[in-house]
Amino acid sequence: MQLQGLLFTGCCSNLPVADRRYNLTANPSFTLKHKSSSLRAHAALKLIHIQRSNSTSTCARGLLWRWGVSKVISIYLLCCLNLVALAQDYPSLYTSSYGCEDVSSYYASVKGLKGKALKKKLYSVIAKHQSLSYKEVWDALKFLDAANVDRPQASSGIVEIYSLRAVSKNLAGKPEGWNREHLWPRSYGLISGPSLTDLHNIRPADVNEFHAVNSSRGNKYYGECNKKSIRCLKPANKEAASDTETDKERWTPPTKVRGDIARAIMYMAVCYGLHQPGGQNLHLSDSPSIENREMGLLSTLLKWNEVDPPSREEKLRNDRVCKFYQHNRNPFVDHPEYASLIWKRVTPTHQNWHFPAKKELTK
């Protein structure tokens, strides 16, 4: 008589030999010649059954364990993907350190300089920086101009530069939302390259389909209405802040950010004033000219820089552009006094960008 075991495969292929197919008569202890032998055979079969049951149970537990692990891994990966999706608008907070983070050493080489020498040296300090794509600017603005300045990652909105209103960051580029406003207008010499996407020069602005502040300002230079102004509007636009104004040629931003805008314009005149890749160099003047890439009004910008010193929000923005994006700084935010050291105090003239432009005045 022959007794045969059952064959197990798959995850249970590592069962004991006694649980696989083999001939028990090959083993004398399992030859059924008498009762004791029969009892021994019965005991052997029982042992095989127990081993098989234990092995099957072990296999089932193994399969269950593997299934559980796979589920945990799946959930973990899903959570990671969700976190990546949520964080895609923001830079990593765990970044390398950059030279621009140490403000004192960053400007060490310009100490004691003024006029053209100071401008030239500042150019060498800030000109080389990381440039962004035009698409990347959207996400950068959601972080840099977040309504919650202390927790920009958690902020659901951004602050528009001309209305000072907080609007949903998800309305970027939408007809009822906000757009990327170039403080130094593109028509004044921003053709391509780093100057077109420089974050020191770009802010969110209203893009309402019918009353857009962004399009209302157009490429007007910065200045204030005066007695000779024709059709001075206050506010400058239905969607703009109440203390804004504009005439045919000038645009006056909210009082709270006039210094911010002045310093951004001065930054552009230094960073792209000696060499602009792919375009003409940028300059400041009290007689702005699109043809000569001269923006203004210089006298007004100098005044705004003095009466509206850098705020905490402006300084934080400068720090974050340095640390997370371009790895350079706006020197006029860190040292507003550089403005008066570079440019002479000028007397306002009859400003019209259609007239021949005066050259930028430096000490």
Protein backbone atom coordinates (compact mmCIF):
# COMPACT_ATOMS: atom_id res chain seq x y z
CA MET A 1 0.00 0.00 0.00
CA GLN A 2 1.23 3.46 -0.88
CA LEU A 3 0.30 6.69 0.82
CA GLN A 4 0.81 9.93 -1.07
CA GLY A 5 0.95 13.55 0.18
CA LEU A 6 -0.53 16.54 -1.57
CA LEU A 7 1.41 18.88 -3.84
CA PHE A 8 1.61 22.54 -2.85
CA THR A 9 2.85 25.29 -5.18
CA GLY A 10 3.22 29.05 -5.29
CA CYS A 11 3.84 30.74 -1.99
CA CYS A 12 3.62 27.37 -0.21
CA SER A 13 6.36 25.68 -2.23
CA ASN A 14 8.65 25.88 0.78
CA LEU A 15 6.58 23.36 2.80
CA PRO A 16 8.34 20.41 4.43
CA VAL A 17 9.25 17.45 2.24
CA ALA A 18 6.66 15.34 4.11
CA ASP A 19 3.98 17.58 2.62
CA ARG A 20 5.02 17.01 -1.01
CA ARG A 21 4.32 14.02 -3.27
CA TYR A 22 6.44 11.00 -2.37
CA ASN A 23 6.12 7.21 -1.71
CA LEU A 24 5.75 6.36 1.97
CA THR A 25 6.64 2.69 1.31
CA ALA A 26 10.15 3.86 0.59
CA ASN A 27 10.40 4.46 4.31
CA PRO A 28 10.24 1.17 6.34
CA SER A 29 8.69 2.97 9.29
CA PHE A 30 5.58 3.52 7.21
CA THR A 31 5.17 -0.11 5.96
CA LEU A 32 1.80 -1.41 7.19
CA LYS A 33 2.68 -4.99 8.17
CA HIS A 34 1.02 -4.97 11.54
CA LYS A 35 -1.07 -2.91 13.86
CA SER A 36 1.80 -0.94 15.29
CA SER A 37 2.91 -0.09 11.82
CA SER A 38 -0.65 0.96 11.00
CA LEU A 39 -0.71 3.18 14.05
CA ARG A 40 2.60 4.67 13.06
CA ALA A 41 1.28 5.33 9.56
CA HIS A 42 -1.86 6.93 10.99
CA ALA A 43 0.28 9.12 13.23
CA ALA A 44 2.44 10.06 10.27
CA LEU A 45 -0.61 11.05 8.22
CA LYS A 46 -1.90 13.13 11.12
CA LEU A 47 1.47 14.85 11.37
CA ILE A 48 1.39 15.57 7.64
CA HIS A 49 -2.11 17.02 7.98
CA ILE A 50 -1.02 19.23 10.89
CA GLN A 51 2.04 20.42 8.98
CA ARG A 52 -0.08 21.08 5.94
CA SER A 53 -2.62 23.05 8.00
CA ASN A 54 0.10 25.06 9.70
CA SER A 55 1.81 25.74 6.39
CA THR A 56 -1.46 26.74 4.75
CA SER A 57 -2.20 29.07 7.66
CA THR A 58 1.30 30.51 7.40
CA CYS A 59 0.81 31.02 3.68
CA ALA A 60 -2.51 32.78 4.27
CA ARG A 61 -0.96 35.03 6.87
CA GLY A 62 1.87 35.79 4.47
CA LEU A 63 -0.53 36.72 1.71
CA LEU A 64 -2.54 38.89 4.11
CA TRP A 65 0.63 40.60 5.30
CA ARG A 66 1.73 41.28 1.73
CA TRP A 67 -1.68 42.69 0.87
CA GLY A 68 -1.58 44.95 3.92
CA VAL A 69 1.89 46.22 3.09
CA SER A 70 0.87 46.93 -0.50
CA LYS A 71 -2.12 48.93 0.76
CA VAL A 72 0.04 50.96 3.14
CA ILE A 73 2.52 51.71 0.35
CA SER A 74 -0.32 52.72 -1.99
CA ILE A 75 -1.79 55.09 0.59
CA TYR A 76 1.66 56.54 1.32
CA LEU A 77 2.35 57.17 -2.37
CA LEU A 78 -1.08 58.74 -2.81
CA CYS A 79 -0.46 61.07 0.12
CA CYS A 80 2.93 62.01 -1.32
CA LEU A 81 1.38 62.81 -4.69
CA ASN A 82 -1.27 64.94 -3.00
CA LEU A 83 1.38 66.82 -1.04
CA VAL A 84 3.36 67.41 -4.22
CA ALA A 85 0.23 68.71 -5.93
CA LEU A 86 -0.50 71.06 -3.05
CA ALA A 87 3.09 72.26 -2.85
CA GLN A 88 3.67 72.76 -6.57
CA ASP A 89 2.95 76.50 -6.27
CA TYR A 90 5.60 77.04 -3.64
CA PRO A 91 9.37 76.72 -3.37
CA SER A 92 10.99 74.18 -1.10
CA LEU A 93 11.71 75.59 2.34
CA TYR A 94 14.76 73.32 2.55
CA THR A 95 17.13 75.02 0.14
CA SER A 96 20.82 75.70 -0.04
CA SER A 97 22.17 78.97 1.25
CA TYR A 98 23.13 81.70 -1.21
CA GLY A 99 25.48 84.66 -1.03
CA CYS A 100 22.62 87.12 -1.25
CA GLU A 101 21.31 85.97 2.14
CA ASP A 102 24.16 87.67 3.99
CA VAL A 103 23.21 91.28 3.33
CA SER A 104 26.32 92.84 4.88
CA SER A 105 28.78 90.83 2.78
CA TYR A 106 26.57 91.04 -0.32
CA TYR A 107 27.18 94.79 -0.57
CA ALA A 108 30.68 94.88 0.90
CA SER A 109 32.28 95.78 -2.44
CA VAL A 110 30.22 98.97 -2.91
CA LYS A 111 31.16 100.63 0.35
CA GLY A 112 32.22 104.26 -0.10
CA LEU A 113 31.13 104.48 -3.75
CA LYS A 114 28.66 106.89 -5.34
CA GLY A 115 27.41 108.03 -8.72
CA LYS A 116 28.34 105.99 -11.78
CA ALA A 117 30.91 103.99 -9.82
CA LEU A 118 28.24 102.83 -7.36
CA LYS A 119 25.82 101.99 -10.15
CA LYS A 120 28.45 99.98 -12.01
CA LYS A 121 29.48 98.03 -8.92
CA LEU A 122 25.87 97.31 -7.94
CA TYR A 123 25.30 96.02 -11.45
CA SER A 124 28.13 93.52 -11.02
CA VAL A 125 26.58 92.37 -7.73
CA ILE A 126 22.97 91.85 -8.85
CA ALA A 127 23.08 91.23 -12.62
CA LYS A 128 24.02 87.56 -12.52
CA HIS A 129 21.00 85.72 -11.19
CA GLN A 130 18.71 82.79 -11.83
CA SER A 131 16.04 83.64 -14.41
CA LEU A 132 12.58 82.09 -14.53
CA SER A 133 10.31 81.11 -17.39
CA TYR A 134 7.27 83.28 -17.95
CA LYS A 135 5.10 80.38 -16.79
CA GLU A 136 7.08 79.96 -13.57
CA VAL A 137 6.35 83.58 -12.68
CA TRP A 138 2.70 82.67 -11.91
CA ASP A 139 3.65 80.31 -9.11
CA ALA A 140 6.32 82.65 -7.78
CA LEU A 141 3.83 85.50 -7.40
CA LYS A 142 1.43 83.25 -5.48
CA PHE A 143 4.19 82.86 -2.90
CA LEU A 144 5.87 86.28 -2.96
CA ASP A 145 2.66 88.33 -2.89
CA ALA A 146 0.55 86.03 -0.73
CA ALA A 147 -2.16 87.72 1.34
CA ASN A 148 -0.82 85.92 4.40
CA VAL A 149 2.71 87.25 4.39
CA ASP A 150 3.82 85.15 7.38
CA ARG A 151 2.46 81.86 6.00
CA PRO A 152 2.55 82.24 2.22
CA GLN A 153 2.24 78.48 1.64
CA ALA A 154 -1.09 78.41 3.47
CA SER A 155 -2.46 81.59 1.92
CA SER A 156 -5.41 81.18 -0.43
CA GLY A 157 -5.03 84.63 -1.94
CA ILE A 158 -2.62 87.23 -3.29
CA VAL A 159 -2.57 91.03 -2.94
CA GLU A 160 -2.93 93.13 -6.09
CA ILE A 161 -0.43 95.98 -6.37
CA TYR A 162 -2.81 98.74 -7.52
CA SER A 163 -6.04 97.82 -5.73
CA LEU A 164 -4.37 96.41 -2.57
CA ARG A 165 -7.17 93.84 -2.47
CA ALA A 166 -6.72 90.18 -1.66
CA VAL A 167 -8.06 87.90 -4.39
CA SER A 168 -7.94 84.13 -4.85
CA LYS A 169 -4.63 82.86 -6.15
CA ASN A 170 -6.62 80.42 -8.30
CA LEU A 171 -7.88 83.34 -10.42
CA ALA A 172 -4.45 83.77 -12.01
CA GLY A 173 -4.94 84.73 -15.64
CA LYS A 174 -8.74 84.46 -15.43
CA PRO A 175 -10.97 87.22 -16.94
CA GLU A 176 -12.25 88.08 -13.46
CA GLY A 177 -8.90 87.53 -11.76
CA TRP A 178 -5.36 88.91 -11.84
CA ASN A 179 -2.44 89.15 -14.21
CA ARG A 180 1.34 89.67 -14.15
CA GLU A 181 1.99 93.40 -14.10
CA HIS A 182 5.38 94.69 -15.27
CA LEU A 183 6.10 97.80 -13.22
CA TRP A 184 8.71 98.79 -15.78
CA PRO A 185 6.51 98.34 -18.89
CA ARG A 186 7.50 95.82 -21.53
CA SER A 187 7.26 98.49 -24.24
CA TYR A 188 10.07 100.41 -22.51
CA GLY A 189 12.67 97.82 -23.46
CA LEU A 190 11.74 94.44 -21.98
CA ILE A 191 11.98 92.28 -25.07
CA SER A 192 13.21 88.89 -23.87
CA GLY A 193 15.56 87.25 -21.43
CA PRO A 194 15.90 87.83 -17.67
CA SER A 195 14.46 91.36 -17.69
CA LEU A 196 11.10 90.10 -18.97
CA THR A 197 10.58 87.73 -16.03
CA ASP A 198 12.49 89.50 -13.26
CA LEU A 199 10.44 89.05 -10.08
CA HIS A 200 11.60 92.34 -8.60
CA ASN A 201 9.66 94.03 -11.41
CA ILE A 202 6.49 91.90 -11.58
CA ARG A 203 3.46 92.12 -9.29
CA PRO A 204 -0.11 90.82 -9.42
CA ALA A 205 -2.65 93.33 -10.78
CA ASP A 206 -6.37 93.26 -11.49
CA VAL A 207 -7.36 91.96 -14.92
CA ASN A 208 -11.14 92.46 -14.73
CA GLU A 209 -12.51 92.07 -18.22
CA PHE A 210 -14.25 95.46 -18.24
CA HIS A 211 -12.36 97.56 -15.66
CA ALA A 212 -8.86 96.05 -15.61
CA VAL A 213 -6.34 98.14 -13.70
CA ASN A 214 -3.57 96.31 -15.53
CA SER A 215 -4.74 97.50 -18.97
CA SER A 216 -5.84 100.91 -17.63
CA ARG A 217 -2.30 101.69 -16.57
CA GLY A 218 -0.94 100.34 -19.85
CA ASN A 219 2.57 101.69 -20.38
CA LYS A 220 2.11 105.02 -18.60
CA TYR A 221 5.14 106.17 -16.64
CA TYR A 222 4.88 106.85 -12.91
CA GLY A 223 4.11 110.37 -11.79
CA GLU A 224 1.53 112.56 -10.09
CA CYS A 225 -1.16 114.76 -11.56
CA ASN A 226 -0.33 118.48 -11.57
CA LYS A 227 -2.08 121.70 -12.55
CA LYS A 228 -1.32 121.08 -16.21
CA SER A 229 -2.70 117.55 -16.12
CA ILE A 230 -5.52 116.86 -18.55
CA ARG A 231 -8.42 114.80 -17.26
CA CYS A 232 -6.83 113.64 -14.02
CA LEU A 233 -8.89 110.75 -12.69
CA LYS A 234 -9.14 109.91 -8.97
CA PRO A 235 -9.12 107.00 -8.41
CA ALA A 236 -7.21 105.97 -11.49
CA ASN A 237 -9.61 103.14 -12.20
CA LYS A 238 -12.85 101.68 -10.85
CA GLU A 239 -10.92 98.69 -9.50
CA ALA A 240 -7.93 100.69 -8.20
CA ALA A 241 -7.37 101.95 -4.66
CA SER A 242 -9.03 105.25 -3.74
CA ASP A 243 -5.74 107.17 -3.48
CA THR A 244 -4.59 106.36 -7.02
CA GLU A 245 -4.76 108.82 -9.89
CA THR A 246 -3.90 109.10 -13.57
CA ASP A 247 -3.94 111.48 -16.50
CA LYS A 248 -3.10 111.01 -20.15
CA GLU A 249 0.53 110.11 -19.46
CA ARG A 250 1.10 109.51 -15.73
CA TRP A 251 0.03 106.83 -13.30
CA THR A 252 0.03 107.25 -9.52
CA PRO A 253 -0.14 104.01 -7.48
CA PRO A 254 -1.53 103.72 -3.92
CA THR A 255 0.39 105.71 -1.31
CA LYS A 256 1.26 102.52 0.58
CA VAL A 257 3.32 101.06 -2.29
CA ARG A 258 4.76 104.14 -4.00
CA GLY A 259 8.15 103.57 -2.44
CA ASP A 260 8.00 99.86 -3.33
CA ILE A 261 7.39 100.68 -6.98
CA ALA A 262 10.06 103.40 -7.05
CA ARG A 263 12.67 100.97 -5.72
CA ALA A 264 11.63 98.29 -8.22
CA ILE A 265 12.06 100.75 -11.10
CA MET A 266 15.47 101.82 -9.78
CA TYR A 267 16.50 98.17 -9.54
CA MET A 268 15.65 97.67 -13.22
CA ALA A 269 17.67 100.75 -14.21
CA VAL A 270 20.74 99.30 -12.47
CA CYS A 271 20.34 95.58 -13.22
CA TYR A 272 19.71 96.20 -16.94
CA GLY A 273 21.19 99.68 -17.27
CA LEU A 274 24.70 98.70 -18.36
CA HIS A 275 23.97 95.57 -20.34
CA GLN A 276 20.66 93.94 -21.20
CA PRO A 277 20.88 90.64 -23.09
CA GLY A 278 18.84 90.88 -26.27
CA GLY A 279 17.83 94.53 -25.87
CA GLN A 280 18.83 98.13 -25.25
CA ASN A 281 19.97 99.27 -21.84
CA LEU A 282 17.37 100.74 -19.51
CA HIS A 283 17.56 104.24 -18.04
CA LEU A 284 15.65 106.65 -15.81
CA SER A 285 14.71 110.15 -16.88
CA ASP A 286 12.36 113.02 -16.15
CA SER A 287 11.45 113.00 -19.84
CA PRO A 288 10.49 109.36 -20.39
CA SER A 289 10.93 107.92 -23.88
CA ILE A 290 9.84 104.55 -25.20
CA GLU A 291 12.23 104.87 -28.14
CA ASN A 292 15.22 105.46 -25.86
CA ARG A 293 14.11 102.97 -23.18
CA GLU A 294 13.92 105.74 -20.57
CA MET A 295 11.39 105.34 -17.79
CA GLY A 296 10.28 107.87 -15.17
CA LEU A 297 9.54 110.14 -13.68
CA LEU A 298 12.93 110.13 -11.99
CA SER A 299 12.18 113.11 -9.74
CA THR A 300 8.93 111.53 -8.56
CA LEU A 301 10.53 108.14 -7.97
CA LEU A 302 13.27 109.72 -5.86
CA LYS A 303 10.63 111.47 -3.77
CA TRP A 304 8.57 108.30 -3.30
CA ASN A 305 11.67 106.41 -2.24
CA GLU A 306 12.21 108.91 0.58
CA VAL A 307 8.67 109.40 1.86
CA ASP A 308 7.71 105.71 1.73
CA PRO A 309 10.57 103.65 3.24
CA PRO A 310 10.68 99.85 2.86
CA SER A 311 7.99 98.06 4.85
CA ARG A 312 8.31 94.67 6.53
CA GLU A 313 6.37 93.10 3.65
CA GLU A 314 8.69 94.60 1.06
CA LYS A 315 11.77 93.39 2.93
CA LEU A 316 10.35 89.87 3.27
CA ARG A 317 9.62 89.79 -0.44
CA ASN A 318 13.18 90.83 -1.21
CA ASP A 319 14.52 88.10 1.09
CA ARG A 320 12.35 85.45 -0.58
CA VAL A 321 13.31 86.42 -4.12
CA CYS A 322 16.90 86.00 -2.97
CA LYS A 323 16.49 82.70 -1.14
CA PHE A 324 13.95 80.82 -3.22
CA TYR A 325 14.03 82.16 -6.76
CA GLN A 326 16.54 84.49 -8.41
CA HIS A 327 19.27 84.49 -5.73
CA ASN A 328 19.83 88.22 -6.02
CA ARG A 329 18.50 91.25 -4.13
CA ASN A 330 17.05 94.68 -4.81
CA PRO A 331 19.74 96.93 -3.29
CA PHE A 332 17.33 99.86 -2.91
CA VAL A 333 15.17 97.85 -0.51
CA ASP A 334 18.19 97.07 1.65
CA HIS A 335 19.76 100.52 1.21
CA PRO A 336 17.26 103.18 0.07
CA GLU A 337 20.04 105.77 0.42
CA TYR A 338 21.77 104.34 -2.66
CA ALA A 339 19.18 106.13 -4.82
CA SER A 340 20.33 109.62 -3.85
CA LEU A 341 23.97 108.52 -4.15
CA ILE A 342 23.46 107.43 -7.77
CA TRP A 343 20.97 109.96 -9.16
CA LYS A 344 21.04 113.71 -8.75
CA ARG A 345 18.02 115.50 -7.44
CA VAL A 346 16.35 116.70 -10.61
CA THR A 347 13.85 119.48 -11.14
CA PRO A 348 10.64 118.23 -12.74
CA THR A 349 10.33 119.33 -16.34
CA HIS A 350 7.44 119.34 -18.78
CA GLN A 351 7.08 115.56 -18.86
CA ASN A 352 5.88 113.99 -22.07
CA TRP A 353 7.31 110.81 -23.50
CA HIS A 354 6.55 112.09 -27.01
CA PHE A 355 9.17 114.81 -26.60
CA PRO A 356 12.94 114.30 -27.04
CA ALA A 357 14.27 112.60 -23.92
CA LYS A 358 16.92 113.87 -21.55
CA LYS A 359 19.64 111.51 -20.55
CA GLU A 360 19.71 110.00 -17.10
CA LEU A 361 21.50 112.21 -14.62
CA THR A 362 24.10 110.62 -12.36
CA LYS A 363 26.57 112.10 -9.97
